[in-house]
Amino acid sequence: MTMKRFATALRPLCAALLLSTAALAPAAALAHQPTADAARTTDNPTAHPNFTVRVVGKGQPVLLIPGLTCPGAVWDETVARYQQQYQCHIVSLAGFGGAAAPASTDNLLLNVRDQLLAYIKTQKLQRPAIIGHSLGGFVALWMSATQPEAIGPLVIVDSLPFMSAIQNPNLTAEMAKPMAEGMRQQMRRGPMPAAQQRQMVASMITDTARQTVAARWGRLSDPGTVAQAMYDMATTDLRPDVARIQQPVLVLGAWAAYKQFGSTKESTRAIFEQQYAKLPQRRIEMSEAGRHFLMWDDQQWFFAQTDAFLQQHAPAKTKAKAGARAKNS
């Protein structure tokens, strides 16, 4: 398989991963930085040099992991919705969206995975739920497959266990390495030209204001870090590993952005079903019109799906409190 054919095969999802995951809130939302909750356990940032965490709200813990090139501010509206009932741990990865690049990109996503698992243990979080978008969803799956007993329910937003096998399910991680290495080398040279980036972002994000912000944050991300993150995803096959995940998983998929590549809702869903076939407790839902960045593009649907899922799989004591609140309201 040539590099050109490989790039063509990955184009629909790679375009989304590279660009629309850089979408953030509008400028007003970016200026809003909620303060950390006073009840937060003391953190030691030096223990996790590959990311920072901001904690907002009270209640059952939820980790929010952004996608490629995104800072944690991408979750501002989600946090605003959930901070009254959940303690939101908002992750920002080093090298993305203007944050300083990590000292080393060796084993980048593996280090992110292990540091997040250590963070959960150190902070004594009891089976936190995780909401992960794109790269963040991939990391959430990897965390859960590694230590299933430490993680609660997962909400995976438009992400797959092995992106390289989108069009060829027989592709292995080893087979993907030469092509992924070529992609890594090209990406390390820097971002694509601004005009081309804007055009691609426009095909992935509906709102024009967010398209502008997306391009800006993409340019602020460290090319070497972005390149390594993409390489790690392209050469890590989690399809067999998801069989170890013990908790329920809600997978939210997008397909509307891929119409231009000949995709349909049915064909895109088939890819999701195939990739998640070994995941025991899965529910896959496809947005009708939202593009890759579902928490912005189809926000009402995203919140309806996520609200119901988190409430359904909340710990018993949390459900009891919610019931009491409803009764007294």
C-alpha atoms as a PDB file:
ATOM      1  CA  MET A   1       0.000   0.000   0.000  1.00  0.00           C
ATOM      2  CA  THR A   2       1.519   3.343  -0.999  1.00  0.00           C
ATOM      3  CA  MET A   3       1.670   6.386   1.248  1.00  0.00           C
ATOM      4  CA  LYS A   4      -0.834   8.113  -1.020  1.00  0.00           C
ATOM      5  CA  ARG A   5      -3.341   5.281  -0.763  1.00  0.00           C
ATOM      6  CA  PHE A   6      -2.821   5.080   2.995  1.00  0.00           C
ATOM      7  CA  ALA A   7      -3.469   8.800   3.382  1.00  0.00           C
ATOM      8  CA  THR A   8      -6.589   8.517   1.239  1.00  0.00           C
ATOM      9  CA  ALA A   9      -7.897   5.657   3.366  1.00  0.00           C
ATOM     10  CA  LEU A  10      -7.385   7.628   6.563  1.00  0.00           C
ATOM     11  CA  ARG A  11      -8.567  10.962   5.184  1.00  0.00           C
ATOM     12  CA  PRO A  12     -12.077  11.124   6.694  1.00  0.00           C
ATOM     13  CA  LEU A  13     -11.123  10.468  10.303  1.00  0.00           C
ATOM     14  CA  CYS A  14      -7.622  11.937  10.143  1.00  0.00           C
ATOM     15  CA  ALA A  15      -9.054  15.211   8.901  1.00  0.00           C
ATOM     16  CA  ALA A  16     -11.396  15.225  11.850  1.00  0.00           C
ATOM     17  CA  LEU A  17      -8.710  14.231  14.338  1.00  0.00           C
ATOM     18  CA  LEU A  18      -6.177  16.739  13.080  1.00  0.00           C
ATOM     19  CA  LEU A  19      -8.436  19.710  12.716  1.00  0.00           C
ATOM     20  CA  SER A  20     -11.897  19.611  14.172  1.00  0.00           C
ATOM     21  CA  THR A  21     -10.551  18.293  17.446  1.00  0.00           C
ATOM     22  CA  ALA A  22      -8.831  21.645  17.636  1.00  0.00           C
ATOM     23  CA  ALA A  23     -12.224  23.333  17.843  1.00  0.00           C
ATOM     24  CA  LEU A  24     -12.845  25.203  21.038  1.00  0.00           C
ATOM     25  CA  ALA A  25     -15.549  27.303  22.572  1.00  0.00           C
ATOM     26  CA  PRO A  26     -16.210  30.756  21.162  1.00  0.00           C
ATOM     27  CA  ALA A  27     -13.891  33.507  22.407  1.00  0.00           C
ATOM     28  CA  ALA A  28     -16.218  34.484  25.255  1.00  0.00           C
ATOM     29  CA  ALA A  29     -16.216  30.952  26.579  1.00  0.00           C
ATOM     30  CA  LEU A  30     -12.438  30.725  26.249  1.00  0.00           C
ATOM     31  CA  ALA A  31     -12.090  33.740  28.499  1.00  0.00           C
ATOM     32  CA  HIS A  32     -14.167  31.990  31.160  1.00  0.00           C
ATOM     33  CA  GLN A  33     -11.987  29.873  33.426  1.00  0.00           C
ATOM     34  CA  PRO A  34     -13.984  28.341  36.312  1.00  0.00           C
ATOM     35  CA  THR A  35     -12.107  28.160  39.585  1.00  0.00           C
ATOM     36  CA  ALA A  36     -11.103  24.848  41.116  1.00  0.00           C
ATOM     37  CA  ASP A  37     -13.391  23.307  43.694  1.00  0.00           C
ATOM     38  CA  ALA A  38     -12.172  23.781  47.262  1.00  0.00           C
ATOM     39  CA  ALA A  39     -12.774  20.125  48.078  1.00  0.00           C
ATOM     40  CA  ARG A  40     -10.135  18.991  45.619  1.00  0.00           C
ATOM     41  CA  THR A  41      -7.488  16.632  46.936  1.00  0.00           C
ATOM     42  CA  THR A  42      -4.001  18.170  46.862  1.00  0.00           C
ATOM     43  CA  ASP A  43      -2.435  17.539  43.477  1.00  0.00           C
ATOM     44  CA  ASN A  44       1.225  17.148  42.575  1.00  0.00           C
ATOM     45  CA  PRO A  45       1.618  18.409  38.997  1.00  0.00           C
ATOM     46  CA  THR A  46       5.187  17.099  38.764  1.00  0.00           C
ATOM     47  CA  ALA A  47       3.752  13.579  38.945  1.00  0.00           C
ATOM     48  CA  HIS A  48       2.017  14.063  35.581  1.00  0.00           C
ATOM     49  CA  PRO A  49       4.223  16.223  33.316  1.00  0.00           C
ATOM     50  CA  ASN A  50       2.208  15.237  30.238  1.00  0.00           C
ATOM     51  CA  PHE A  51      -0.946  17.055  31.357  1.00  0.00           C
ATOM     52  CA  THR A  52      -2.492  19.518  33.781  1.00  0.00           C
ATOM     53  CA  VAL A  53      -5.855  19.178  35.514  1.00  0.00           C
ATOM     54  CA  ARG A  54      -8.446  21.756  36.541  1.00  0.00           C
ATOM     55  CA  VAL A  55     -11.129  20.609  38.978  1.00  0.00           C
ATOM     56  CA  VAL A  56     -14.595  22.173  39.087  1.00  0.00           C
ATOM     57  CA  GLY A  57     -17.763  21.161  40.929  1.00  0.00           C
ATOM     58  CA  LYS A  58     -18.826  18.601  43.504  1.00  0.00           C
ATOM     59  CA  GLY A  59     -20.166  15.073  43.364  1.00  0.00           C
ATOM     60  CA  GLN A  60     -19.212  11.890  41.569  1.00  0.00           C
ATOM     61  CA  PRO A  61     -15.887  12.416  39.732  1.00  0.00           C
ATOM     62  CA  VAL A  62     -15.794  12.692  35.953  1.00  0.00           C
ATOM     63  CA  LEU A  63     -12.620  13.034  33.875  1.00  0.00           C
ATOM     64  CA  LEU A  64     -12.931  15.028  30.653  1.00  0.00           C
ATOM     65  CA  ILE A  65     -10.183  14.361  28.097  1.00  0.00           C
ATOM     66  CA  PRO A  66      -9.998  16.550  24.970  1.00  0.00           C
ATOM     67  CA  GLY A  67      -8.951  15.616  21.480  1.00  0.00           C
ATOM     68  CA  LEU A  68      -5.856  16.400  19.453  1.00  0.00           C
ATOM     69  CA  THR A  69      -4.654  20.040  19.807  1.00  0.00           C
ATOM     70  CA  CYS A  70      -7.446  20.895  22.273  1.00  0.00           C
ATOM     71  CA  PRO A  71      -6.934  22.335  25.754  1.00  0.00           C
ATOM     72  CA  GLY A  72      -9.379  21.506  28.529  1.00  0.00           C
ATOM     73  CA  ALA A  73     -11.345  24.682  27.770  1.00  0.00           C
ATOM     74  CA  VAL A  74     -13.004  22.715  24.982  1.00  0.00           C
ATOM     75  CA  TRP A  75     -15.245  21.227  27.684  1.00  0.00           C
ATOM     76  CA  ASP A  76     -16.388  24.558  29.186  1.00  0.00           C
ATOM     77  CA  GLU A  77     -20.043  24.151  28.233  1.00  0.00           C
ATOM     78  CA  THR A  78     -20.044  20.523  29.307  1.00  0.00           C
ATOM     79  CA  VAL A  79     -18.541  21.518  32.654  1.00  0.00           C
ATOM     80  CA  ALA A  80     -21.096  24.300  33.066  1.00  0.00           C
ATOM     81  CA  ARG A  81     -23.842  21.718  32.650  1.00  0.00           C
ATOM     82  CA  TYR A  82     -22.411  19.083  34.984  1.00  0.00           C
ATOM     83  CA  GLN A  83     -20.563  20.921  37.748  1.00  0.00           C
ATOM     84  CA  GLN A  84     -23.622  21.027  40.020  1.00  0.00           C
ATOM     85  CA  GLN A  85     -23.795  17.247  40.219  1.00  0.00           C
ATOM     86  CA  TYR A  86     -20.312  16.031  39.248  1.00  0.00           C
ATOM     87  CA  GLN A  87     -16.758  16.881  40.232  1.00  0.00           C
ATOM     88  CA  CYS A  88     -15.237  17.579  36.832  1.00  0.00           C
ATOM     89  CA  HIS A  89     -11.527  16.862  36.371  1.00  0.00           C
ATOM     90  CA  ILE A  90     -10.679  18.718  33.157  1.00  0.00           C
ATOM     91  CA  VAL A  91      -7.510  17.508  31.463  1.00  0.00           C
ATOM     92  CA  SER A  92      -5.245  19.608  29.215  1.00  0.00           C
ATOM     93  CA  LEU A  93      -2.470  17.718  27.443  1.00  0.00           C
ATOM     94  CA  ALA A  94       1.021  19.194  27.150  1.00  0.00           C
ATOM     95  CA  GLY A  95       1.809  20.576  23.705  1.00  0.00           C
ATOM     96  CA  PHE A  96      -1.795  21.134  22.661  1.00  0.00           C
ATOM     97  CA  GLY A  97      -3.568  24.461  22.158  1.00  0.00           C
ATOM     98  CA  GLY A  98      -0.673  26.625  23.282  1.00  0.00           C
ATOM     99  CA  ALA A  99       0.392  24.621  26.338  1.00  0.00           C
ATOM    100  CA  ALA A 100       4.129  24.000  26.660  1.00  0.00           C
ATOM    101  CA  ALA A 101       5.317  20.892  24.851  1.00  0.00           C
ATOM    102  CA  PRO A 102       6.424  17.903  26.935  1.00  0.00           C
ATOM    103  CA  ALA A 103      10.148  17.464  27.527  1.00  0.00           C
ATOM    104  CA  SER A 104      10.000  14.211  25.577  1.00  0.00           C
ATOM    105  CA  THR A 105       7.464  12.703  23.193  1.00  0.00           C
ATOM    106  CA  ASP A 106       8.776   9.146  23.586  1.00  0.00           C
ATOM    107  CA  ASN A 107       5.854   6.803  24.354  1.00  0.00           C
ATOM    108  CA  LEU A 108       3.675   9.907  24.460  1.00  0.00           C
ATOM    109  CA  LEU A 109       0.182   8.454  24.746  1.00  0.00           C
ATOM    110  CA  LEU A 110       1.389   5.520  26.831  1.00  0.00           C
ATOM    111  CA  ASN A 111       2.761   8.039  29.332  1.00  0.00           C
ATOM    112  CA  VAL A 112      -0.493  10.009  29.242  1.00  0.00           C
ATOM    113  CA  ARG A 113      -2.414   6.791  29.936  1.00  0.00           C
ATOM    114  CA  ASP A 114      -0.224   5.746  32.854  1.00  0.00           C
ATOM    115  CA  GLN A 115      -0.082   9.230  34.385  1.00  0.00           C
ATOM    116  CA  LEU A 116      -3.874   9.544  34.242  1.00  0.00           C
ATOM    117  CA  LEU A 117      -4.296   6.165  35.928  1.00  0.00           C
ATOM    118  CA  ALA A 118      -1.819   7.246  38.607  1.00  0.00           C
ATOM    119  CA  TYR A 119      -3.720  10.530  39.009  1.00  0.00           C
ATOM    120  CA  ILE A 120      -6.954   8.622  39.660  1.00  0.00           C
ATOM    121  CA  LYS A 121      -5.219   6.540  42.330  1.00  0.00           C
ATOM    122  CA  THR A 122      -3.416   9.459  43.968  1.00  0.00           C
ATOM    123  CA  GLN A 123      -6.553  11.588  44.066  1.00  0.00           C
ATOM    124  CA  LYS A 124      -8.496   8.600  45.461  1.00  0.00           C
ATOM    125  CA  LEU A 125     -11.192   8.921  42.821  1.00  0.00           C
ATOM    126  CA  GLN A 126     -13.689   6.088  43.087  1.00  0.00           C
ATOM    127  CA  ARG A 127     -14.287   4.666  39.616  1.00  0.00           C
ATOM    128  CA  PRO A 128     -14.642   8.027  37.889  1.00  0.00           C
ATOM    129  CA  ALA A 129     -16.621   8.286  34.693  1.00  0.00           C
ATOM    130  CA  ILE A 130     -14.617   9.450  31.685  1.00  0.00           C
ATOM    131  CA  ILE A 131     -15.829  11.546  28.773  1.00  0.00           C
ATOM    132  CA  GLY A 132     -13.281  11.536  25.965  1.00  0.00           C
ATOM    133  CA  HIS A 133     -13.399  13.145  22.546  1.00  0.00           C
ATOM    134  CA  SER A 134     -11.451  11.703  19.612  1.00  0.00           C
ATOM    135  CA  LEU A 135      -7.891  11.233  20.911  1.00  0.00           C
ATOM    136  CA  GLY A 136      -9.361  11.630  24.406  1.00  0.00           C
ATOM    137  CA  GLY A 137     -11.773   8.794  23.720  1.00  0.00           C
ATOM    138  CA  PHE A 138      -8.912   6.605  22.525  1.00  0.00           C
ATOM    139  CA  VAL A 139      -6.976   7.310  25.734  1.00  0.00           C
ATOM    140  CA  ALA A 140     -10.086   6.579  27.829  1.00  0.00           C
ATOM    141  CA  LEU A 141     -10.484   3.178  26.167  1.00  0.00           C
ATOM    142  CA  TRP A 142      -6.801   2.424  26.742  1.00  0.00           C
ATOM    143  CA  MET A 143      -7.032   3.399  30.407  1.00  0.00           C
ATOM    144  CA  SER A 144     -10.077   1.238  30.964  1.00  0.00           C
ATOM    145  CA  ALA A 145      -8.614  -1.773  29.169  1.00  0.00           C
ATOM    146  CA  THR A 146      -5.454  -1.448  31.285  1.00  0.00           C
ATOM    147  CA  GLN A 147      -7.098  -1.058  34.709  1.00  0.00           C
ATOM    148  CA  PRO A 148     -10.803  -1.841  34.286  1.00  0.00           C
ATOM    149  CA  GLU A 149     -11.342  -1.982  38.032  1.00  0.00           C
ATOM    150  CA  ALA A 150     -10.271   1.672  38.421  1.00  0.00           C
ATOM    151  CA  ILE A 151     -12.624   3.230  35.870  1.00  0.00           C
ATOM    152  CA  GLY A 152     -16.350   3.921  35.797  1.00  0.00           C
ATOM    153  CA  PRO A 153     -18.631   4.308  32.764  1.00  0.00           C
ATOM    154  CA  LEU A 154     -17.177   5.744  29.556  1.00  0.00           C
ATOM    155  CA  VAL A 155     -18.608   8.215  27.055  1.00  0.00           C
ATOM    156  CA  ILE A 156     -16.549   7.957  23.863  1.00  0.00           C
ATOM    157  CA  VAL A 157     -17.167  10.858  21.474  1.00  0.00           C
ATOM    158  CA  ASP A 158     -16.458   9.986  17.831  1.00  0.00           C
ATOM    159  CA  SER A 159     -13.390   7.845  18.392  1.00  0.00           C
ATOM    160  CA  LEU A 160     -12.267   4.349  17.403  1.00  0.00           C
ATOM    161  CA  PRO A 161      -9.987   1.696  18.946  1.00  0.00           C
ATOM    162  CA  PHE A 162      -7.758   1.593  15.820  1.00  0.00           C
ATOM    163  CA  MET A 163      -8.090   4.458  13.393  1.00  0.00           C
ATOM    164  CA  SER A 164      -5.693   2.966  10.833  1.00  0.00           C
ATOM    165  CA  ALA A 165      -8.155   0.153  10.104  1.00  0.00           C
ATOM    166  CA  ILE A 166     -11.054   2.396   9.111  1.00  0.00           C
ATOM    167  CA  GLN A 167     -11.190   1.076   5.567  1.00  0.00           C
ATOM    168  CA  ASN A 168      -9.196  -2.137   5.957  1.00  0.00           C
ATOM    169  CA  PRO A 169     -10.194  -4.122   9.052  1.00  0.00           C
ATOM    170  CA  ASN A 170      -7.419  -6.632   8.348  1.00  0.00           C
ATOM    171  CA  LEU A 171      -4.700  -4.015   8.810  1.00  0.00           C
ATOM    172  CA  THR A 172      -2.437  -4.652  11.804  1.00  0.00           C
ATOM    173  CA  ALA A 173      -0.467  -2.186  13.896  1.00  0.00           C
ATOM    174  CA  GLU A 174       2.759  -3.540  12.464  1.00  0.00           C
ATOM    175  CA  MET A 175       1.504  -3.080   8.907  1.00  0.00           C
ATOM    176  CA  ALA A 176       0.531   0.509   9.687  1.00  0.00           C
ATOM    177  CA  LYS A 177       3.943   1.554  11.041  1.00  0.00           C
ATOM    178  CA  PRO A 178       5.745   2.458   7.778  1.00  0.00           C
ATOM    179  CA  MET A 179       2.885   4.616   6.580  1.00  0.00           C
ATOM    180  CA  ALA A 180       2.402   6.176  10.024  1.00  0.00           C
ATOM    181  CA  GLU A 181       6.095   7.016  10.155  1.00  0.00           C
ATOM    182  CA  GLY A 182       5.809   8.885   6.860  1.00  0.00           C
ATOM    183  CA  MET A 183       2.821  10.787   8.249  1.00  0.00           C
ATOM    184  CA  ARG A 184       4.757  11.603  11.432  1.00  0.00           C
ATOM    185  CA  GLN A 185       7.721  12.983   9.532  1.00  0.00           C
ATOM    186  CA  GLN A 186       5.483  15.151   7.370  1.00  0.00           C
ATOM    187  CA  MET A 187       3.544  16.525  10.331  1.00  0.00           C
ATOM    188  CA  ARG A 188       6.703  17.365  12.266  1.00  0.00           C
ATOM    189  CA  ARG A 189       7.552  19.925   9.626  1.00  0.00           C
ATOM    190  CA  GLY A 190       4.670  22.074  10.837  1.00  0.00           C
ATOM    191  CA  PRO A 191       0.956  22.701  10.273  1.00  0.00           C
ATOM    192  CA  MET A 192      -0.632  22.754   6.843  1.00  0.00           C
ATOM    193  CA  PRO A 193      -1.005  26.123   5.060  1.00  0.00           C
ATOM    194  CA  ALA A 194      -3.576  28.390   6.710  1.00  0.00           C
ATOM    195  CA  ALA A 195      -5.958  28.479   3.730  1.00  0.00           C
ATOM    196  CA  GLN A 196      -5.961  24.702   3.431  1.00  0.00           C
ATOM    197  CA  GLN A 197      -6.463  24.352   7.170  1.00  0.00           C
ATOM    198  CA  ARG A 198      -9.441  26.726   7.152  1.00  0.00           C
ATOM    199  CA  GLN A 199     -11.020  24.812   4.281  1.00  0.00           C
ATOM    200  CA  MET A 200     -10.618  21.514   6.096  1.00  0.00           C
ATOM    201  CA  VAL A 201     -11.886  22.934   9.390  1.00  0.00           C
ATOM    202  CA  ALA A 202     -14.949  24.284   7.589  1.00  0.00           C
ATOM    203  CA  SER A 203     -15.714  20.785   6.360  1.00  0.00           C
ATOM    204  CA  MET A 204     -15.551  19.446   9.922  1.00  0.00           C
ATOM    205  CA  ILE A 205     -17.156  22.159  12.076  1.00  0.00           C
ATOM    206  CA  THR A 206     -20.478  23.837  11.368  1.00  0.00           C
ATOM    207  CA  ASP A 207     -20.147  27.065  13.348  1.00  0.00           C
ATOM    208  CA  THR A 208     -17.923  29.647  11.612  1.00  0.00           C
ATOM    209  CA  ALA A 209     -16.768  31.297  14.859  1.00  0.00           C
ATOM    210  CA  ARG A 210     -15.528  27.968  16.136  1.00  0.00           C
ATOM    211  CA  GLN A 211     -13.855  27.285  12.815  1.00  0.00           C
ATOM    212  CA  THR A 212     -11.744  30.409  13.310  1.00  0.00           C
ATOM    213  CA  VAL A 213     -10.803  29.424  16.845  1.00  0.00           C
ATOM    214  CA  ALA A 214     -10.085  25.868  15.720  1.00  0.00           C
ATOM    215  CA  ALA A 215      -7.529  27.002  13.182  1.00  0.00           C
ATOM    216  CA  ARG A 216      -5.867  29.262  15.743  1.00  0.00           C
ATOM    217  CA  TRP A 217      -5.500  26.565  18.382  1.00  0.00           C
ATOM    218  CA  GLY A 218      -4.278  24.099  15.819  1.00  0.00           C
ATOM    219  CA  ARG A 219      -1.503  26.522  14.859  1.00  0.00           C
ATOM    220  CA  LEU A 220      -0.578  27.027  18.527  1.00  0.00           C
ATOM    221  CA  SER A 221      -0.050  23.303  19.099  1.00  0.00           C
ATOM    222  CA  ASP A 222       3.457  21.867  19.031  1.00  0.00           C
ATOM    223  CA  PRO A 223       3.960  20.022  15.701  1.00  0.00           C
ATOM    224  CA  GLY A 224       6.215  17.362  17.195  1.00  0.00           C
ATOM    225  CA  THR A 225       3.732  16.523  19.937  1.00  0.00           C
ATOM    226  CA  VAL A 226       0.813  16.414  17.516  1.00  0.00           C
ATOM    227  CA  ALA A 227       2.797  14.226  15.112  1.00  0.00           C
ATOM    228  CA  GLN A 228       3.738  11.768  17.844  1.00  0.00           C
ATOM    229  CA  ALA A 229       0.186  11.582  19.179  1.00  0.00           C
ATOM    230  CA  MET A 230      -1.094  10.763  15.704  1.00  0.00           C
ATOM    231  CA  TYR A 231       1.638   8.149  15.234  1.00  0.00           C
ATOM    232  CA  ASP A 232       0.776   6.519  18.560  1.00  0.00           C
ATOM    233  CA  MET A 233      -2.898   6.279  17.631  1.00  0.00           C
ATOM    234  CA  ALA A 234      -2.132   5.038  14.132  1.00  0.00           C
ATOM    235  CA  THR A 235       0.068   2.219  15.437  1.00  0.00           C
ATOM    236  CA  THR A 236      -1.886   1.127  18.530  1.00  0.00           C
ATOM    237  CA  ASP A 237      -4.677  -1.392  17.965  1.00  0.00           C
ATOM    238  CA  LEU A 238      -7.073  -1.504  20.911  1.00  0.00           C
ATOM    239  CA  ARG A 239      -9.698  -3.648  19.159  1.00  0.00           C
ATOM    240  CA  PRO A 240      -8.766  -6.848  21.033  1.00  0.00           C
ATOM    241  CA  ASP A 241      -8.000  -4.979  24.271  1.00  0.00           C
ATOM    242  CA  VAL A 242     -11.491  -3.507  24.660  1.00  0.00           C
ATOM    243  CA  ALA A 243     -12.669  -7.012  25.574  1.00  0.00           C
ATOM    244  CA  ARG A 244     -11.172  -6.365  29.025  1.00  0.00           C
ATOM    245  CA  ILE A 245     -13.319  -3.301  29.659  1.00  0.00           C
ATOM    246  CA  GLN A 246     -15.812  -4.207  32.377  1.00  0.00           C
ATOM    247  CA  GLN A 247     -17.918  -1.063  32.558  1.00  0.00           C
ATOM    248  CA  PRO A 248     -20.694   0.168  30.258  1.00  0.00           C
ATOM    249  CA  VAL A 249     -19.578   2.333  27.343  1.00  0.00           C
ATOM    250  CA  LEU A 250     -21.605   4.829  25.336  1.00  0.00           C
ATOM    251  CA  VAL A 251     -20.067   5.462  21.907  1.00  0.00           C
ATOM    252  CA  LEU A 252     -21.329   8.561  20.101  1.00  0.00           C
ATOM    253  CA  GLY A 253     -20.524   8.600  16.402  1.00  0.00           C
ATOM    254  CA  ALA A 254     -20.631  11.219  13.645  1.00  0.00           C
ATOM    255  CA  TRP A 255     -20.974  10.640   9.930  1.00  0.00           C
ATOM    256  CA  ALA A 256     -22.360  13.838   8.349  1.00  0.00           C
ATOM    257  CA  ALA A 257     -18.881  15.309   7.785  1.00  0.00           C
ATOM    258  CA  TYR A 258     -17.902  12.278   5.739  1.00  0.00           C
ATOM    259  CA  LYS A 259     -20.669  12.535   3.131  1.00  0.00           C
ATOM    260  CA  GLN A 260     -18.206  14.217   0.796  1.00  0.00           C
ATOM    261  CA  PHE A 261     -16.125  11.026   0.910  1.00  0.00           C
ATOM    262  CA  GLY A 262     -19.105   8.838  -0.015  1.00  0.00           C
ATOM    263  CA  SER A 263     -19.944   7.695   3.518  1.00  0.00           C
ATOM    264  CA  THR A 264     -23.471   7.082   4.752  1.00  0.00           C
ATOM    265  CA  LYS A 265     -24.874   6.748   8.243  1.00  0.00           C
ATOM    266  CA  GLU A 266     -25.141   2.986   7.723  1.00  0.00           C
ATOM    267  CA  SER A 267     -21.610   2.540   6.377  1.00  0.00           C
ATOM    268  CA  THR A 268     -20.118   4.654   9.154  1.00  0.00           C
ATOM    269  CA  ARG A 269     -22.059   2.816  11.835  1.00  0.00           C
ATOM    270  CA  ALA A 270     -20.810  -0.474  10.389  1.00  0.00           C
ATOM    271  CA  ILE A 271     -17.230   0.698  10.954  1.00  0.00           C
ATOM    272  CA  PHE A 272     -18.033   1.512  14.577  1.00  0.00           C
ATOM    273  CA  GLU A 273     -19.769  -1.827  15.124  1.00  0.00           C
ATOM    274  CA  GLN A 274     -16.844  -3.685  13.615  1.00  0.00           C
ATOM    275  CA  GLN A 275     -14.214  -1.853  15.640  1.00  0.00           C
ATOM    276  CA  TYR A 276     -16.100  -2.198  18.930  1.00  0.00           C
ATOM    277  CA  ALA A 277     -17.225  -5.792  18.333  1.00  0.00           C
ATOM    278  CA  LYS A 278     -15.277  -7.173  21.327  1.00  0.00           C
ATOM    279  CA  LEU A 279     -16.429  -4.492  23.776  1.00  0.00           C
ATOM    280  CA  PRO A 280     -18.873  -6.299  26.108  1.00  0.00           C
ATOM    281  CA  GLN A 281     -21.172  -3.505  27.384  1.00  0.00           C
ATOM    282  CA  ARG A 282     -21.394  -1.109  24.466  1.00  0.00           C
ATOM    283  CA  ARG A 283     -24.096   1.117  23.085  1.00  0.00           C
ATOM    284  CA  ILE A 284     -23.408   2.910  19.821  1.00  0.00           C
ATOM    285  CA  GLU A 285     -25.489   5.926  18.859  1.00  0.00           C
ATOM    286  CA  MET A 286     -25.044   7.940  15.670  1.00  0.00           C
ATOM    287  CA  SER A 287     -25.826  11.646  15.421  1.00  0.00           C
ATOM    288  CA  GLU A 288     -28.081  12.519  12.512  1.00  0.00           C
ATOM    289  CA  ALA A 289     -26.448  15.807  11.548  1.00  0.00           C
ATOM    290  CA  GLY A 290     -23.549  16.532  13.895  1.00  0.00           C
ATOM    291  CA  ARG A 291     -20.005  16.506  12.656  1.00  0.00           C
ATOM    292  CA  HIS A 292     -16.964  15.127  14.428  1.00  0.00           C
ATOM    293  CA  PHE A 293     -17.092  17.687  17.220  1.00  0.00           C
ATOM    294  CA  LEU A 294     -20.402  16.442  18.576  1.00  0.00           C
ATOM    295  CA  MET A 295     -20.492  18.339  21.882  1.00  0.00           C
ATOM    296  CA  TRP A 296     -20.632  21.514  19.795  1.00  0.00           C
ATOM    297  CA  ASP A 297     -22.210  20.450  16.507  1.00  0.00           C
ATOM    298  CA  ASP A 298     -25.134  18.478  17.983  1.00  0.00           C
ATOM    299  CA  GLN A 299     -25.081  19.742  21.532  1.00  0.00           C
ATOM    300  CA  GLN A 300     -28.707  19.027  22.488  1.00  0.00           C
ATOM    301  CA  TRP A 301     -28.396  15.442  21.295  1.00  0.00           C
ATOM    302  CA  PHE A 302     -24.987  15.039  22.947  1.00  0.00           C
ATOM    303  CA  PHE A 303     -26.266  16.208  26.324  1.00  0.00           C
ATOM    304  CA  ALA A 304     -29.434  14.111  26.092  1.00  0.00           C
ATOM    305  CA  GLN A 305     -27.377  10.985  25.396  1.00  0.00           C
ATOM    306  CA  THR A 306     -24.746  11.709  28.025  1.00  0.00           C
ATOM    307  CA  ASP A 307     -27.205  12.826  30.723  1.00  0.00           C
ATOM    308  CA  ALA A 308     -29.246   9.641  30.475  1.00  0.00           C
ATOM    309  CA  PHE A 309     -26.188   7.372  30.325  1.00  0.00           C
ATOM    310  CA  LEU A 310     -24.425   8.894  33.338  1.00  0.00           C
ATOM    311  CA  GLN A 311     -27.619   8.856  35.401  1.00  0.00           C
ATOM    312  CA  GLN A 312     -28.359   5.253  34.442  1.00  0.00           C
ATOM    313  CA  HIS A 313     -24.917   4.079  35.509  1.00  0.00           C
ATOM    314  CA  ALA A 314     -24.381   6.321  38.521  1.00  0.00           C
ATOM    315  CA  PRO A 315     -23.488   4.670  41.851  1.00  0.00           C
ATOM    316  CA  ALA A 316     -26.499   3.711  43.965  1.00  0.00           C
ATOM    317  CA  LYS A 317     -25.922   6.480  46.514  1.00  0.00           C
ATOM    318  CA  THR A 318     -25.759   9.070  43.740  1.00  0.00           C
ATOM    319  CA  LYS A 319     -29.023   7.812  42.285  1.00  0.00           C
ATOM    320  CA  ALA A 320     -30.643   8.036  45.714  1.00  0.00           C
ATOM    321  CA  LYS A 321     -29.557  11.660  46.113  1.00  0.00           C
ATOM    322  CA  ALA A 322     -30.836  12.502  42.635  1.00  0.00           C
ATOM    323  CA  GLY A 323     -34.167  10.902  43.476  1.00  0.00           C
ATOM    324  CA  ALA A 324     -34.434  12.870  46.683  1.00  0.00           C
ATOM    325  CA  ARG A 325     -33.715  16.117  44.874  1.00  0.00           C
ATOM    326  CA  ALA A 326     -36.375  15.334  42.283  1.00  0.00           C
ATOM    327  CA  LYS A 327     -38.901  14.526  45.008  1.00  0.00           C
ATOM    328  CA  ASN A 328     -38.246  17.778  46.879  1.00  0.00           C
ATOM    329  CA  SER A 329     -38.277  19.978  43.777  1.00  0.00           C
END
